[in-house]
Every structure is written in structure tokens, then in C-alpha cells.
Protein backbone atom coordinates (compact mmCIF):
# COMPACT_ATOMS: atom_id res chain seq x y z
CA GLN A 1 -48.65 233.63 7.88
CA VAL A 2 -48.89 229.88 8.31
CA GLN A 3 -47.27 228.06 11.19
CA LEU A 4 -46.92 224.39 12.06
CA VAL A 5 -46.50 223.90 15.79
CA GLU A 6 -45.39 220.54 17.14
CA SER A 7 -45.63 219.03 20.59
CA GLY A 8 -45.12 215.71 22.32
CA GLY A 9 -41.40 215.06 21.97
CA GLY A 10 -39.34 213.90 24.88
CA VAL A 11 -37.23 211.16 26.39
CA VAL A 12 -38.57 207.65 26.93
CA GLN A 13 -37.20 204.22 27.64
CA ALA A 14 -37.15 201.54 24.98
CA GLY A 15 -40.56 199.94 24.72
CA GLY A 16 -42.32 203.11 25.77
CA SER A 17 -44.69 205.36 23.87
CA LEU A 18 -44.96 208.96 22.77
CA ARG A 19 -47.61 210.84 20.86
CA LEU A 20 -46.57 213.71 18.63
CA SER A 21 -49.02 216.27 17.37
CA CYS A 22 -48.77 219.13 14.91
CA THR A 23 -51.29 221.88 14.35
CA ALA A 24 -51.36 224.25 11.39
CA SER A 25 -52.62 227.77 11.87
CA GLY A 26 -53.05 230.84 9.72
CA SER A 27 -55.15 231.92 6.77
CA ILE A 28 -55.50 228.48 5.22
CA PHE A 29 -57.72 227.50 2.34
CA SER A 30 -56.97 223.79 2.45
CA ILE A 31 -54.38 221.27 3.60
CA ASN A 32 -53.51 218.41 1.32
CA VAL A 33 -51.03 215.72 2.37
CA MET A 34 -49.56 215.99 5.88
CA GLY A 35 -46.70 213.92 7.18
CA TRP A 36 -43.85 213.28 9.55
CA TYR A 37 -40.16 213.17 8.74
CA ARG A 38 -37.27 212.37 11.03
CA GLN A 39 -33.55 213.00 10.94
CA ALA A 40 -30.96 211.34 13.13
CA PRO A 41 -27.43 212.76 13.49
CA GLY A 42 -25.34 212.02 10.42
CA LYS A 43 -28.26 210.53 8.52
CA GLN A 44 -30.59 211.69 5.78
CA ARG A 45 -34.01 213.00 6.62
CA GLU A 46 -36.52 210.26 5.94
CA LEU A 47 -40.25 210.19 5.50
CA VAL A 48 -41.80 208.29 8.40
CA ALA A 49 -45.49 208.70 7.68
CA SER A 50 -47.80 210.53 5.35
CA ILE A 51 -51.55 210.87 5.47
CA THR A 52 -53.97 212.20 2.90
CA SER A 53 -56.83 214.57 3.55
CA GLY A 54 -59.09 211.52 3.45
CA GLY A 55 -57.16 209.81 6.23
CA SER A 56 -55.23 207.24 4.20
CA ALA A 57 -51.86 206.73 5.89
CA THR A 58 -48.58 205.32 4.62
CA LEU A 59 -45.75 204.30 6.95
CA VAL A 60 -42.11 203.49 6.35
CA ASP A 61 -41.42 199.77 6.80
CA SER A 62 -39.29 200.23 9.90
CA VAL A 63 -42.20 201.61 11.93
CA LYS A 64 -45.09 199.54 10.61
CA GLY A 65 -46.95 197.84 13.40
CA ARG A 66 -45.59 200.31 15.95
CA PHE A 67 -46.56 203.79 14.73
CA THR A 68 -49.96 205.13 13.72
CA ALA A 69 -50.63 208.38 11.88
CA SER A 70 -53.94 210.20 12.09
CA ARG A 71 -55.35 213.62 11.38
CA ASP A 72 -58.21 215.83 12.42
CA ASN A 73 -59.13 218.05 9.51
CA ALA A 74 -61.47 220.21 11.59
CA LYS A 75 -58.53 221.13 13.83
CA ASN A 76 -55.83 221.14 11.12
CA THR A 77 -53.92 218.64 13.20
CA VAL A 78 -51.84 215.58 12.39
CA SER A 79 -50.67 213.14 15.06
CA LEU A 80 -48.17 210.32 15.26
CA GLN A 81 -48.71 207.69 17.93
CA MET A 82 -45.41 205.92 18.54
CA ASN A 83 -45.48 202.66 20.48
CA SER A 84 -42.80 200.07 21.24
CA LEU A 85 -40.13 202.69 20.71
CA LYS A 86 -36.59 201.61 19.95
CA PRO A 87 -33.29 203.47 20.33
CA GLU A 88 -33.13 203.53 16.53
CA ASP A 89 -36.18 205.81 16.56
CA THR A 90 -34.14 208.56 18.19
CA ALA A 91 -34.22 211.60 15.91
CA VAL A 92 -35.61 215.05 15.41
CA TYR A 93 -39.13 214.67 14.08
CA TYR A 94 -40.54 217.26 11.69
CA CYS A 95 -44.14 217.89 10.78
CA ASN A 96 -44.83 218.66 7.13
CA ALA A 97 -47.87 219.86 5.24
CA ASP A 98 -48.84 220.94 1.74
CA ILE A 99 -51.06 223.96 2.14
CA GLN A 100 -53.08 226.21 -0.12
CA LEU A 101 -53.37 229.70 1.31
CA ALA A 102 -56.63 231.60 1.40
CA SER A 103 -54.82 234.53 -0.23
CA ASN A 104 -53.22 232.40 -2.97
CA ARG A 105 -55.26 229.32 -3.70
CA ARG A 106 -53.51 228.59 -6.99
CA THR A 107 -50.23 227.58 -5.37
CA VAL A 108 -49.44 224.72 -2.99
CA PHE A 109 -46.78 225.61 -0.43
CA HIS A 110 -44.68 223.07 1.44
CA TYR A 111 -44.47 223.96 5.15
CA TRP A 112 -42.34 222.51 7.92
CA GLY A 113 -42.62 222.53 11.67
CA GLN A 114 -39.70 223.52 13.86
CA GLY A 115 -38.84 219.94 14.77
CA THR A 116 -39.14 218.13 18.08
CA GLN A 117 -36.56 215.84 19.64
CA VAL A 118 -37.46 212.24 20.38
CA THR A 119 -34.90 210.32 22.40
CA VAL A 120 -35.29 206.63 23.21
CA SER A 121 -32.91 205.26 25.81
CA SER A 122 -31.85 201.63 26.07
């Protein structure tokens, strides 16, 4: 089985920083796009960042200049460095990955982490 395990969430003051990380484990053939979503209470889940296997990252406009996405393919890990945090960034953050399994390389499966709470106080 494949698991995505997240870490790094917590409570910070506005202007502070957090670094989220997510590691995929299991019998994996390859990982394609990885990304981060977030969902605040009463709001739709939105894509915050995505990053290709080659390291090309795309960020939602609201976090550009503040967040940086990166990945380490050797460790099957994606990270999100969040600087200059604002109360509006408060949400549950979910790791996401498109994965081809070693046992079924013909199908791409969409996996999600369990979610980690990020709270930014004012």
C-alpha cells in the first residue's frame, strides 16, 4: 500500500514561517506531479502549489513570493516552505501525488495525505 505522510503543521504568528513536508512510501514505480492543497472552513479546497518530477513549480497567485515548493525525488518527498504567513493562510493542508504502482504500472493513482492543520494568528 502507498501512504503519504505529512509533517510540519502548527500554530504561528502572522509573519512567521512553517515548512511542511510529505513523504510517499510503499511499492512505488514512479511519482509524477506532486502538490499541496488547502481547505479553510466553509471554503472550497484549492490548489496551492504543484511541482513536476523535473522540479518545475506552480503557485497560486495569493502565495507567490511567500511560498516555495520543492521536491526530493530520491526520498519521494515534497516540501512547502511558507514564509510571511498571514491569517488568511489558515487551513488544513493536504499533500497530493499522482503515483504509478510497481504492481500496476499502467494506471496512475491519485493519493492524498491525511491533512495537517496550519493556523496563523494575528
